[in-house]
PDB file of all heavy atoms in Angstrom:
ATOM      1  N   ASP A   1       5.020   5.717  -7.766  1.00  0.00           N
ATOM      2  CA  ASP A   1       4.814   6.679  -6.679  1.00  0.00           C
ATOM      3  C   ASP A   1       4.211   5.930  -5.494  1.00  0.00           C
ATOM      4  O   ASP A   1       3.075   5.443  -5.554  1.00  0.00           O
ATOM      5  CB  ASP A   1       3.874   7.798  -7.146  1.00  0.00           C
ATOM      6  CG  ASP A   1       3.834   8.957  -6.159  1.00  0.00           C
ATOM      7  OD1 ASP A   1       3.923   8.701  -4.940  1.00  0.00           O
ATOM      8  OD2 ASP A   1       3.701  10.107  -6.599  1.00  0.00           O
ATOM      9  N   SER A   2       4.959   5.843  -4.414  1.00  0.00           N
ATOM     10  CA  SER A   2       4.518   5.054  -3.260  1.00  0.00           C
ATOM     11  C   SER A   2       3.222   5.589  -2.656  1.00  0.00           C
ATOM     12  O   SER A   2       2.441   4.834  -2.077  1.00  0.00           O
ATOM     13  CB  SER A   2       5.617   5.027  -2.193  1.00  0.00           C
ATOM     14  OG  SER A   2       5.923   6.338  -1.744  1.00  0.00           O
ATOM     15  N   ARG A   3       2.964   6.902  -2.800  1.00  0.00           N
ATOM     16  CA  ARG A   3       1.732   7.467  -2.230  1.00  0.00           C
ATOM     17  C   ARG A   3       0.499   6.849  -2.870  1.00  0.00           C
ATOM     18  O   ARG A   3      -0.494   6.576  -2.194  1.00  0.00           O
ATOM     19  CB  ARG A   3       1.709   8.985  -2.434  1.00  0.00           C
ATOM     20  CG  ARG A   3       2.804   9.742  -1.716  1.00  0.00           C
ATOM     21  CD  ARG A   3       2.830  11.178  -2.176  1.00  0.00           C
ATOM     22  NE  ARG A   3       3.037  11.268  -3.619  1.00  0.00           N
ATOM     23  CZ  ARG A   3       2.902  12.383  -4.329  1.00  0.00           C
ATOM     24  NH1 ARG A   3       2.527  13.496  -3.721  1.00  0.00           N
ATOM     25  NH2 ARG A   3       3.126  12.397  -5.628  1.00  0.00           N
ATOM     26  N   MET A   4       0.564   6.667  -4.197  1.00  0.00           N
ATOM     27  CA  MET A   4      -0.574   6.073  -4.900  1.00  0.00           C
ATOM     28  C   MET A   4      -0.797   4.626  -4.445  1.00  0.00           C
ATOM     29  O   MET A   4      -1.930   4.185  -4.245  1.00  0.00           O
ATOM     30  CB  MET A   4      -0.337   6.078  -6.416  1.00  0.00           C
ATOM     31  CG  MET A   4       0.067   7.406  -7.001  1.00  0.00           C
ATOM     32  SD  MET A   4      -1.205   8.656  -6.841  1.00  0.00           S
ATOM     33  CE  MET A   4      -0.225  10.060  -6.343  1.00  0.00           C
ATOM     34  N   VAL A   5       0.309   3.903  -4.275  1.00  0.00           N
ATOM     35  CA  VAL A   5       0.220   2.490  -3.911  1.00  0.00           C
ATOM     36  C   VAL A   5      -0.306   2.341  -2.482  1.00  0.00           C
ATOM     37  O   VAL A   5      -1.127   1.463  -2.191  1.00  0.00           O
ATOM     38  CB  VAL A   5       1.586   1.794  -4.066  1.00  0.00           C
ATOM     39  CG1 VAL A   5       1.454   0.297  -3.842  1.00  0.00           C
ATOM     40  CG2 VAL A   5       2.172   2.052  -5.449  1.00  0.00           C
ATOM     41  N   ILE A   6       0.142   3.207  -1.578  1.00  0.00           N
ATOM     42  CA  ILE A   6      -0.331   3.153  -0.192  1.00  0.00           C
ATOM     43  C   ILE A   6      -1.823   3.466  -0.127  1.00  0.00           C
ATOM     44  O   ILE A   6      -2.587   2.789   0.575  1.00  0.00           O
ATOM     45  CB  ILE A   6       0.474   4.127   0.694  1.00  0.00           C
ATOM     46  CG1 ILE A   6       1.900   3.592   0.899  1.00  0.00           C
ATOM     47  CG2 ILE A   6      -0.205   4.332   2.041  1.00  0.00           C
ATOM     48  CD1 ILE A   6       2.826   4.549   1.602  1.00  0.00           C
ATOM     49  N   ALA A   7      -2.244   4.487  -0.863  1.00  0.00           N
ATOM     50  CA  ALA A   7      -3.674   4.835  -0.871  1.00  0.00           C
ATOM     51  C   ALA A   7      -4.502   3.668  -1.381  1.00  0.00           C
ATOM     52  O   ALA A   7      -5.567   3.355  -0.830  1.00  0.00           O
ATOM     53  CB  ALA A   7      -3.903   6.070  -1.745  1.00  0.00           C
ATOM     54  N   LEU A   8      -4.001   3.003  -2.406  1.00  0.00           N
ATOM     55  CA  LEU A   8      -4.703   1.842  -2.954  1.00  0.00           C
ATOM     56  C   LEU A   8      -4.754   0.716  -1.913  1.00  0.00           C
ATOM     57  O   LEU A   8      -5.793   0.072  -1.736  1.00  0.00           O
ATOM     58  CB  LEU A   8      -3.998   1.374  -4.229  1.00  0.00           C
ATOM     59  CG  LEU A   8      -4.672   0.285  -5.057  1.00  0.00           C
ATOM     60  CD1 LEU A   8      -6.057   0.728  -5.512  1.00  0.00           C
ATOM     61  CD2 LEU A   8      -3.803  -0.062  -6.272  1.00  0.00           C
ATOM     62  N   GLY A   9      -3.643   0.498  -1.212  1.00  0.00           N
ATOM     63  CA  GLY A   9      -3.593  -0.536  -0.179  1.00  0.00           C
ATOM     64  C   GLY A   9      -4.575  -0.268   0.952  1.00  0.00           C
ATOM     65  O   GLY A   9      -5.272  -1.175   1.422  1.00  0.00           O
ATOM     66  N   GLU A  10      -4.650   0.994   1.381  1.00  0.00           N
ATOM     67  CA  GLU A  10      -5.586   1.352   2.456  1.00  0.00           C
ATOM     68  C   GLU A  10      -7.032   1.120   2.018  1.00  0.00           C
ATOM     69  O   GLU A  10      -7.879   0.698   2.814  1.00  0.00           O
ATOM     70  CB  GLU A  10      -5.375   2.815   2.852  1.00  0.00           C
ATOM     71  CG  GLU A  10      -4.069   3.048   3.593  1.00  0.00           C
ATOM     72  CD  GLU A  10      -3.814   4.517   3.864  1.00  0.00           C
ATOM     73  OE1 GLU A  10      -4.316   5.361   3.100  1.00  0.00           O
ATOM     74  OE2 GLU A  10      -3.098   4.812   4.833  1.00  0.00           O
ATOM     75  N   CYS A  11      -7.287   1.390   0.739  1.00  0.00           N
ATOM     76  CA  CYS A  11      -8.643   1.200   0.227  1.00  0.00           C
ATOM     77  C   CYS A  11      -8.986  -0.292   0.164  1.00  0.00           C
ATOM     78  O   CYS A  11     -10.098  -0.702   0.526  1.00  0.00           O
ATOM     79  CB  CYS A  11      -8.749   1.827  -1.156  1.00  0.00           C
ATOM     80  SG  CYS A  11     -10.375   2.457  -1.525  1.00  0.00           S
ATOM     81  N   TYR A  12      -8.043  -1.099  -0.291  1.00  0.00           N
ATOM     82  CA  TYR A  12      -8.254  -2.553  -0.282  1.00  0.00           C
ATOM     83  C   TYR A  12      -8.537  -3.049   1.137  1.00  0.00           C
ATOM     84  O   TYR A  12      -9.373  -3.925   1.356  1.00  0.00           O
ATOM     85  CB  TYR A  12      -7.023  -3.272  -0.832  1.00  0.00           C
ATOM     86  CG  TYR A  12      -6.971  -3.387  -2.330  1.00  0.00           C
ATOM     87  CD1 TYR A  12      -5.833  -2.998  -3.045  1.00  0.00           C
ATOM     88  CD2 TYR A  12      -8.037  -3.906  -3.059  1.00  0.00           C
ATOM     89  CE1 TYR A  12      -5.780  -3.113  -4.429  1.00  0.00           C
ATOM     90  CE2 TYR A  12      -7.986  -4.025  -4.438  1.00  0.00           C
ATOM     91  CZ  TYR A  12      -6.857  -3.620  -5.115  1.00  0.00           C
ATOM     92  OH  TYR A  12      -6.804  -3.738  -6.482  1.00  0.00           O
ATOM     93  N   GLN A  13      -7.838  -2.468   2.099  1.00  0.00           N
ATOM     94  CA  GLN A  13      -8.021  -2.879   3.490  1.00  0.00           C
ATOM     95  C   GLN A  13      -9.444  -2.561   3.959  1.00  0.00           C
ATOM     96  O   GLN A  13     -10.066  -3.357   4.665  1.00  0.00           O
ATOM     97  CB  GLN A  13      -7.003  -2.151   4.365  1.00  0.00           C
ATOM     98  CG  GLN A  13      -6.696  -2.854   5.664  1.00  0.00           C
ATOM     99  CD  GLN A  13      -5.449  -2.298   6.332  1.00  0.00           C
ATOM    100  OE1 GLN A  13      -4.808  -1.385   5.830  1.00  0.00           O
ATOM    101  NE2 GLN A  13      -5.106  -2.850   7.472  1.00  0.00           N
ATOM    102  N   LYS A  14      -9.970  -1.423   3.533  1.00  0.00           N
ATOM    103  CA  LYS A  14     -11.310  -1.027   3.956  1.00  0.00           C
ATOM    104  C   LYS A  14     -12.397  -1.919   3.366  1.00  0.00           C
ATOM    105  O   LYS A  14     -13.456  -2.076   3.964  1.00  0.00           O
ATOM    106  CB  LYS A  14     -11.560   0.429   3.570  1.00  0.00           C
ATOM    107  CG  LYS A  14     -10.814   1.410   4.461  1.00  0.00           C
ATOM    108  CD  LYS A  14     -11.027   2.836   4.026  1.00  0.00           C
ATOM    109  CE  LYS A  14     -10.235   3.774   4.938  1.00  0.00           C
ATOM    110  NZ  LYS A  14     -10.311   5.175   4.492  1.00  0.00           N
ATOM    111  N   VAL A  15     -12.120  -2.479   2.182  1.00  0.00           N
ATOM    112  CA  VAL A  15     -13.126  -3.370   1.582  1.00  0.00           C
ATOM    113  C   VAL A  15     -12.802  -4.834   1.871  1.00  0.00           C
ATOM    114  O   VAL A  15     -13.300  -5.734   1.187  1.00  0.00           O
ATOM    115  CB  VAL A  15     -13.252  -3.114   0.053  1.00  0.00           C
ATOM    116  CG1 VAL A  15     -13.758  -1.723  -0.226  1.00  0.00           C
ATOM    117  CG2 VAL A  15     -11.933  -3.372  -0.672  1.00  0.00           C
ATOM    118  N   GLU A  16     -11.930  -5.062   2.863  1.00  0.00           N
ATOM    119  CA  GLU A  16     -11.609  -6.412   3.339  1.00  0.00           C
ATOM    120  C   GLU A  16     -10.905  -7.277   2.291  1.00  0.00           C
ATOM    121  O   GLU A  16     -11.022  -8.494   2.322  1.00  0.00           O
ATOM    122  CB  GLU A  16     -12.884  -7.131   3.815  1.00  0.00           C
ATOM    123  CG  GLU A  16     -13.619  -6.431   4.954  1.00  0.00           C
ATOM    124  CD  GLU A  16     -12.774  -6.375   6.221  1.00  0.00           C
ATOM    125  OE1 GLU A  16     -12.054  -7.351   6.482  1.00  0.00           O
ATOM    126  OE2 GLU A  16     -12.845  -5.361   6.933  1.00  0.00           O
ATOM    127  N   ARG A  17     -10.171  -6.660   1.397  1.00  0.00           N
ATOM    128  CA  ARG A  17      -9.367  -7.427   0.434  1.00  0.00           C
ATOM    129  C   ARG A  17      -7.917  -7.342   0.911  1.00  0.00           C
ATOM    130  O   ARG A  17      -7.087  -6.618   0.367  1.00  0.00           O
ATOM    131  CB  ARG A  17      -9.554  -6.875  -0.981  1.00  0.00           C
ATOM    132  CG  ARG A  17     -10.983  -7.077  -1.483  1.00  0.00           C
ATOM    133  CD  ARG A  17     -11.273  -6.349  -2.782  1.00  0.00           C
ATOM    134  NE  ARG A  17     -10.440  -6.807  -3.882  1.00  0.00           N
ATOM    135  CZ  ARG A  17     -10.568  -6.369  -5.148  1.00  0.00           C
ATOM    136  NH1 ARG A  17     -11.519  -5.485  -5.438  1.00  0.00           N
ATOM    137  NH2 ARG A  17      -9.774  -6.809  -6.093  1.00  0.00           N
ATOM    138  N   LEU A  18      -7.643  -8.113   1.970  1.00  0.00           N
ATOM    139  CA  LEU A  18      -6.395  -7.928   2.719  1.00  0.00           C
ATOM    140  C   LEU A  18      -5.168  -8.421   1.973  1.00  0.00           C
ATOM    141  O   LEU A  18      -4.073  -7.877   2.139  1.00  0.00           O
ATOM    142  CB  LEU A  18      -6.511  -8.626   4.082  1.00  0.00           C
ATOM    143  CG  LEU A  18      -7.662  -8.127   4.968  1.00  0.00           C
ATOM    144  CD1 LEU A  18      -7.614  -8.805   6.329  1.00  0.00           C
ATOM    145  CD2 LEU A  18      -7.621  -6.617   5.124  1.00  0.00           C
ATOM    146  N   GLN A  19      -5.313  -9.470   1.159  1.00  0.00           N
ATOM    147  CA  GLN A  19      -4.151  -9.960   0.419  1.00  0.00           C
ATOM    148  C   GLN A  19      -3.676  -8.916  -0.600  1.00  0.00           C
ATOM    149  O   GLN A  19      -2.475  -8.699  -0.761  1.00  0.00           O
ATOM    150  CB  GLN A  19      -4.491 -11.280  -0.288  1.00  0.00           C
ATOM    151  CG  GLN A  19      -4.751 -12.442   0.661  1.00  0.00           C
ATOM    152  CD  GLN A  19      -3.564 -12.737   1.571  1.00  0.00           C
ATOM    153  OE1 GLN A  19      -2.409 -12.630   1.168  1.00  0.00           O
ATOM    154  NE2 GLN A  19      -3.853 -13.133   2.811  1.00  0.00           N
ATOM    155  N   GLU A  20      -4.637  -8.263  -1.287  1.00  0.00           N
ATOM    156  CA  GLU A  20      -4.262  -7.196  -2.226  1.00  0.00           C
ATOM    157  C   GLU A  20      -3.639  -6.018  -1.478  1.00  0.00           C
ATOM    158  O   GLU A  20      -2.666  -5.408  -1.949  1.00  0.00           O
ATOM    159  CB  GLU A  20      -5.478  -6.712  -3.017  1.00  0.00           C
ATOM    160  CG  GLU A  20      -5.960  -7.683  -4.072  1.00  0.00           C
ATOM    161  CD  GLU A  20      -7.082  -8.559  -3.545  1.00  0.00           C
ATOM    162  OE1 GLU A  20      -7.123  -8.790  -2.315  1.00  0.00           O
ATOM    163  OE2 GLU A  20      -7.905  -9.009  -4.361  1.00  0.00           O
ATOM    164  N   ALA A  21      -4.194  -5.715  -0.290  1.00  0.00           N
ATOM    165  CA  ALA A  21      -3.644  -4.624   0.514  1.00  0.00           C
ATOM    166  C   ALA A  21      -2.200  -4.921   0.911  1.00  0.00           C
ATOM    167  O   ALA A  21      -1.325  -4.051   0.856  1.00  0.00           O
ATOM    168  CB  ALA A  21      -4.500  -4.412   1.758  1.00  0.00           C
ATOM    169  N   LYS A  22      -1.946  -6.181   1.288  1.00  0.00           N
ATOM    170  CA  LYS A  22      -0.593  -6.583   1.688  1.00  0.00           C
ATOM    171  C   LYS A  22       0.393  -6.383   0.544  1.00  0.00           C
ATOM    172  O   LYS A  22       1.498  -5.867   0.734  1.00  0.00           O
ATOM    173  CB  LYS A  22      -0.628  -8.044   2.148  1.00  0.00           C
ATOM    174  CG  LYS A  22       0.671  -8.537   2.749  1.00  0.00           C
ATOM    175  CD  LYS A  22       0.456  -9.866   3.478  1.00  0.00           C
ATOM    176  CE  LYS A  22       0.052 -10.966   2.518  1.00  0.00           C
ATOM    177  NZ  LYS A  22       0.049 -12.289   3.174  1.00  0.00           N
ATOM    178  N   LYS A  23      -0.016  -6.765  -0.664  1.00  0.00           N
ATOM    179  CA  LYS A  23       0.859  -6.608  -1.833  1.00  0.00           C
ATOM    180  C   LYS A  23       1.150  -5.130  -2.093  1.00  0.00           C
ATOM    181  O   LYS A  23       2.270  -4.763  -2.463  1.00  0.00           O
ATOM    182  CB  LYS A  23       0.210  -7.239  -3.059  1.00  0.00           C
ATOM    183  CG  LYS A  23       0.149  -8.752  -3.009  1.00  0.00           C
ATOM    184  CD  LYS A  23      -0.620  -9.316  -4.204  1.00  0.00           C
ATOM    185  CE  LYS A  23      -0.755 -10.833  -4.107  1.00  0.00           C
ATOM    186  NZ  LYS A  23      -1.573 -11.387  -5.216  1.00  0.00           N
ATOM    187  N   CYS A  24       0.134  -4.281  -1.889  1.00  0.00           N
ATOM    188  CA  CYS A  24       0.326  -2.845  -2.119  1.00  0.00           C
ATOM    189  C   CYS A  24       1.335  -2.256  -1.125  1.00  0.00           C
ATOM    190  O   CYS A  24       2.244  -1.510  -1.519  1.00  0.00           O
ATOM    191  CB  CYS A  24      -1.010  -2.110  -2.000  1.00  0.00           C
ATOM    192  SG  CYS A  24      -2.124  -2.374  -3.390  1.00  0.00           S
ATOM    193  N   PHE A  25       1.182  -2.586   0.158  1.00  0.00           N
ATOM    194  CA  PHE A  25       2.107  -2.031   1.157  1.00  0.00           C
ATOM    195  C   PHE A  25       3.531  -2.539   0.933  1.00  0.00           C
ATOM    196  O   PHE A  25       4.505  -1.802   1.117  1.00  0.00           O
ATOM    197  CB  PHE A  25       1.631  -2.386   2.572  1.00  0.00           C
ATOM    198  CG  PHE A  25       0.317  -1.745   2.946  1.00  0.00           C
ATOM    199  CD1 PHE A  25      -0.631  -2.447   3.684  1.00  0.00           C
ATOM    200  CD2 PHE A  25       0.027  -0.456   2.551  1.00  0.00           C
ATOM    201  CE1 PHE A  25      -1.845  -1.867   4.025  1.00  0.00           C
ATOM    202  CE2 PHE A  25      -1.186   0.146   2.895  1.00  0.00           C
ATOM    203  CZ  PHE A  25      -2.115  -0.566   3.628  1.00  0.00           C
ATOM    204  N   TRP A  26       3.642  -3.802   0.528  1.00  0.00           N
ATOM    205  CA  TRP A  26       4.969  -4.347   0.230  1.00  0.00           C
ATOM    206  C   TRP A  26       5.597  -3.618  -0.955  1.00  0.00           C
ATOM    207  O   TRP A  26       6.767  -3.242  -0.935  1.00  0.00           O
ATOM    208  CB  TRP A  26       4.857  -5.844  -0.057  1.00  0.00           C
ATOM    209  CG  TRP A  26       6.149  -6.445  -0.533  1.00  0.00           C
ATOM    210  CD1 TRP A  26       6.471  -6.829  -1.800  1.00  0.00           C
ATOM    211  CD2 TRP A  26       7.327  -6.698   0.252  1.00  0.00           C
ATOM    212  NE1 TRP A  26       7.745  -7.309  -1.850  1.00  0.00           N
ATOM    213  CE2 TRP A  26       8.300  -7.241  -0.607  1.00  0.00           C
ATOM    214  CE3 TRP A  26       7.634  -6.523   1.596  1.00  0.00           C
ATOM    215  CZ2 TRP A  26       9.561  -7.609  -0.170  1.00  0.00           C
ATOM    216  CZ3 TRP A  26       8.904  -6.891   2.032  1.00  0.00           C
ATOM    217  CH2 TRP A  26       9.842  -7.415   1.156  1.00  0.00           C
ATOM    218  N   LYS A  27       4.788  -3.380  -1.999  1.00  0.00           N
ATOM    219  CA  LYS A  27       5.310  -2.671  -3.169  1.00  0.00           C
ATOM    220  C   LYS A  27       5.723  -1.250  -2.801  1.00  0.00           C
ATOM    221  O   LYS A  27       6.782  -0.779  -3.240  1.00  0.00           O
ATOM    222  CB  LYS A  27       4.253  -2.632  -4.279  1.00  0.00           C
ATOM    223  CG  LYS A  27       4.738  -1.920  -5.532  1.00  0.00           C
ATOM    224  CD  LYS A  27       3.715  -1.921  -6.658  1.00  0.00           C
ATOM    225  CE  LYS A  27       4.274  -1.182  -7.874  1.00  0.00           C
ATOM    226  NZ  LYS A  27       3.313  -1.136  -8.996  1.00  0.00           N
ATOM    227  N   ALA A  28       4.900  -0.575  -2.002  1.00  0.00           N
ATOM    228  CA  ALA A  28       5.239   0.797  -1.592  1.00  0.00           C
ATOM    229  C   ALA A  28       6.558   0.824  -0.827  1.00  0.00           C
ATOM    230  O   ALA A  28       7.392   1.717  -1.025  1.00  0.00           O
ATOM    231  CB  ALA A  28       4.116   1.376  -0.735  1.00  0.00           C
ATOM    232  N   HIS A  29       6.774  -0.158   0.035  1.00  0.00           N
ATOM    233  CA  HIS A  29       8.040  -0.239   0.773  1.00  0.00           C
ATOM    234  C   HIS A  29       9.210  -0.442  -0.186  1.00  0.00           C
ATOM    235  O   HIS A  29      10.251   0.201  -0.054  1.00  0.00           O
ATOM    236  CB  HIS A  29       7.976  -1.379   1.784  1.00  0.00           C
ATOM    237  CG  HIS A  29       9.292  -1.684   2.436  1.00  0.00           C
ATOM    238  ND1 HIS A  29       9.959  -0.775   3.226  1.00  0.00           N
ATOM    239  CD2 HIS A  29      10.076  -2.811   2.401  1.00  0.00           C
ATOM    240  CE1 HIS A  29      11.097  -1.320   3.649  1.00  0.00           C
ATOM    241  NE2 HIS A  29      11.177  -2.546   3.167  1.00  0.00           N
ATOM    242  N   CYS A  30       9.026  -1.305  -1.172  1.00  0.00           N
ATOM    243  CA  CYS A  30      10.097  -1.580  -2.136  1.00  0.00           C
ATOM    244  C   CYS A  30      10.393  -0.370  -3.024  1.00  0.00           C
ATOM    245  O   CYS A  30      11.517  -0.202  -3.506  1.00  0.00           O
ATOM    246  CB  CYS A  30       9.729  -2.781  -3.012  1.00  0.00           C
ATOM    247  SG  CYS A  30       9.629  -4.340  -2.102  1.00  0.00           S
ATOM    248  N   LEU A  31       9.383   0.480  -3.246  1.00  0.00           N
ATOM    249  CA  LEU A  31       9.562   1.668  -4.087  1.00  0.00           C
ATOM    250  C   LEU A  31      10.287   2.797  -3.361  1.00  0.00           C
ATOM    251  O   LEU A  31      10.646   3.788  -3.968  1.00  0.00           O
ATOM    252  CB  LEU A  31       8.201   2.178  -4.572  1.00  0.00           C
ATOM    253  CG  LEU A  31       7.499   1.341  -5.647  1.00  0.00           C
ATOM    254  CD1 LEU A  31       6.088   1.847  -5.872  1.00  0.00           C
ATOM    255  CD2 LEU A  31       8.289   1.354  -6.947  1.00  0.00           C
ATOM    256  N   GLY A  32      10.485   2.634  -2.063  1.00  0.00           N
ATOM    257  CA  GLY A  32      11.188   3.674  -1.314  1.00  0.00           C
ATOM    258  C   GLY A  32      10.337   4.357  -0.265  1.00  0.00           C
ATOM    259  O   GLY A  32      10.853   4.938   0.677  1.00  0.00           O
ATOM    260  N   ASP A  33       9.012   4.324  -0.443  1.00  0.00           N
ATOM    261  CA  ASP A  33       8.070   4.820   0.546  1.00  0.00           C
ATOM    262  C   ASP A  33       8.404   6.242   0.999  1.00  0.00           C
ATOM    263  O   ASP A  33       8.989   6.463   2.065  1.00  0.00           O
ATOM    264  CB  ASP A  33       8.022   3.883   1.753  1.00  0.00           C
ATOM    265  CG  ASP A  33       6.953   4.304   2.758  1.00  0.00           C
ATOM    266  OD1 ASP A  33       6.069   5.095   2.379  1.00  0.00           O
ATOM    267  OD2 ASP A  33       7.014   3.842   3.900  1.00  0.00           O
ATOM    268  N   ALA A  34       7.996   7.206   0.180  1.00  0.00           N
ATOM    269  CA  ALA A  34       8.284   8.606   0.479  1.00  0.00           C
ATOM    270  C   ALA A  34       7.692   9.047   1.809  1.00  0.00           C
ATOM    271  O   ALA A  34       8.235   9.916   2.499  1.00  0.00           O
ATOM    272  CB  ALA A  34       7.741   9.491  -0.651  1.00  0.00           C
ATOM    273  N   GLU A  35       6.573   8.452   2.211  1.00  0.00           N
ATOM    274  CA  GLU A  35       5.913   8.854   3.454  1.00  0.00           C
ATOM    275  C   GLU A  35       6.434   8.086   4.680  1.00  0.00           C
ATOM    276  O   GLU A  35       6.067   8.408   5.815  1.00  0.00           O
ATOM    277  CB  GLU A  35       4.401   8.616   3.335  1.00  0.00           C
ATOM    278  CG  GLU A  35       3.765   9.258   2.113  1.00  0.00           C
ATOM    279  CD  GLU A  35       3.838  10.772   2.130  1.00  0.00           C
ATOM    280  OE1 GLU A  35       3.709  11.333   3.226  1.00  0.00           O
ATOM    281  OE2 GLU A  35       4.019  11.378   1.068  1.00  0.00           O
ATOM    282  N   GLU A  36       7.236   7.041   4.469  1.00  0.00           N
ATOM    283  CA  GLU A  36       7.806   6.235   5.551  1.00  0.00           C
ATOM    284  C   GLU A  36       6.728   5.595   6.434  1.00  0.00           C
ATOM    285  O   GLU A  36       6.863   5.517   7.658  1.00  0.00           O
ATOM    286  CB  GLU A  36       8.745   7.079   6.439  1.00  0.00           C
ATOM    287  CG  GLU A  36       9.817   7.834   5.683  1.00  0.00           C
ATOM    288  CD  GLU A  36      10.878   6.915   5.078  1.00  0.00           C
ATOM    289  OE1 GLU A  36      10.829   5.709   5.361  1.00  0.00           O
ATOM    290  OE2 GLU A  36      11.718   7.406   4.317  1.00  0.00           O
ATOM    291  N   ILE A  37       5.629   5.130   5.822  1.00  0.00           N
ATOM    292  CA  ILE A  37       4.550   4.525   6.609  1.00  0.00           C
ATOM    293  C   ILE A  37       4.170   3.137   6.092  1.00  0.00           C
ATOM    294  O   ILE A  37       3.444   2.406   6.760  1.00  0.00           O
ATOM    295  CB  ILE A  37       3.287   5.415   6.617  1.00  0.00           C
ATOM    296  CG1 ILE A  37       2.810   5.680   5.183  1.00  0.00           C
ATOM    297  CG2 ILE A  37       3.540   6.709   7.359  1.00  0.00           C
ATOM    298  CD1 ILE A  37       1.499   6.444   5.115  1.00  0.00           C
ATOM    299  N   ALA A  38       4.661   2.766   4.923  1.00  0.00           N
ATOM    300  CA  ALA A  38       4.230   1.495   4.310  1.00  0.00           C
ATOM    301  C   ALA A  38       4.627   0.301   5.169  1.00  0.00           C
ATOM    302  O   ALA A  38       3.844  -0.644   5.326  1.00  0.00           O
ATOM    303  CB  ALA A  38       4.815   1.366   2.911  1.00  0.00           C
TER     304      ALA A  38
END
């Protein structure tokens, strides 16, 4: 579910773990990204 992955990515971004955030947004995009924001 891309929504879960995006939320996780945004949270990683807030705690300055940018590499993990990048992987999350990439995965959300690959999953289809229901929200079209990844």
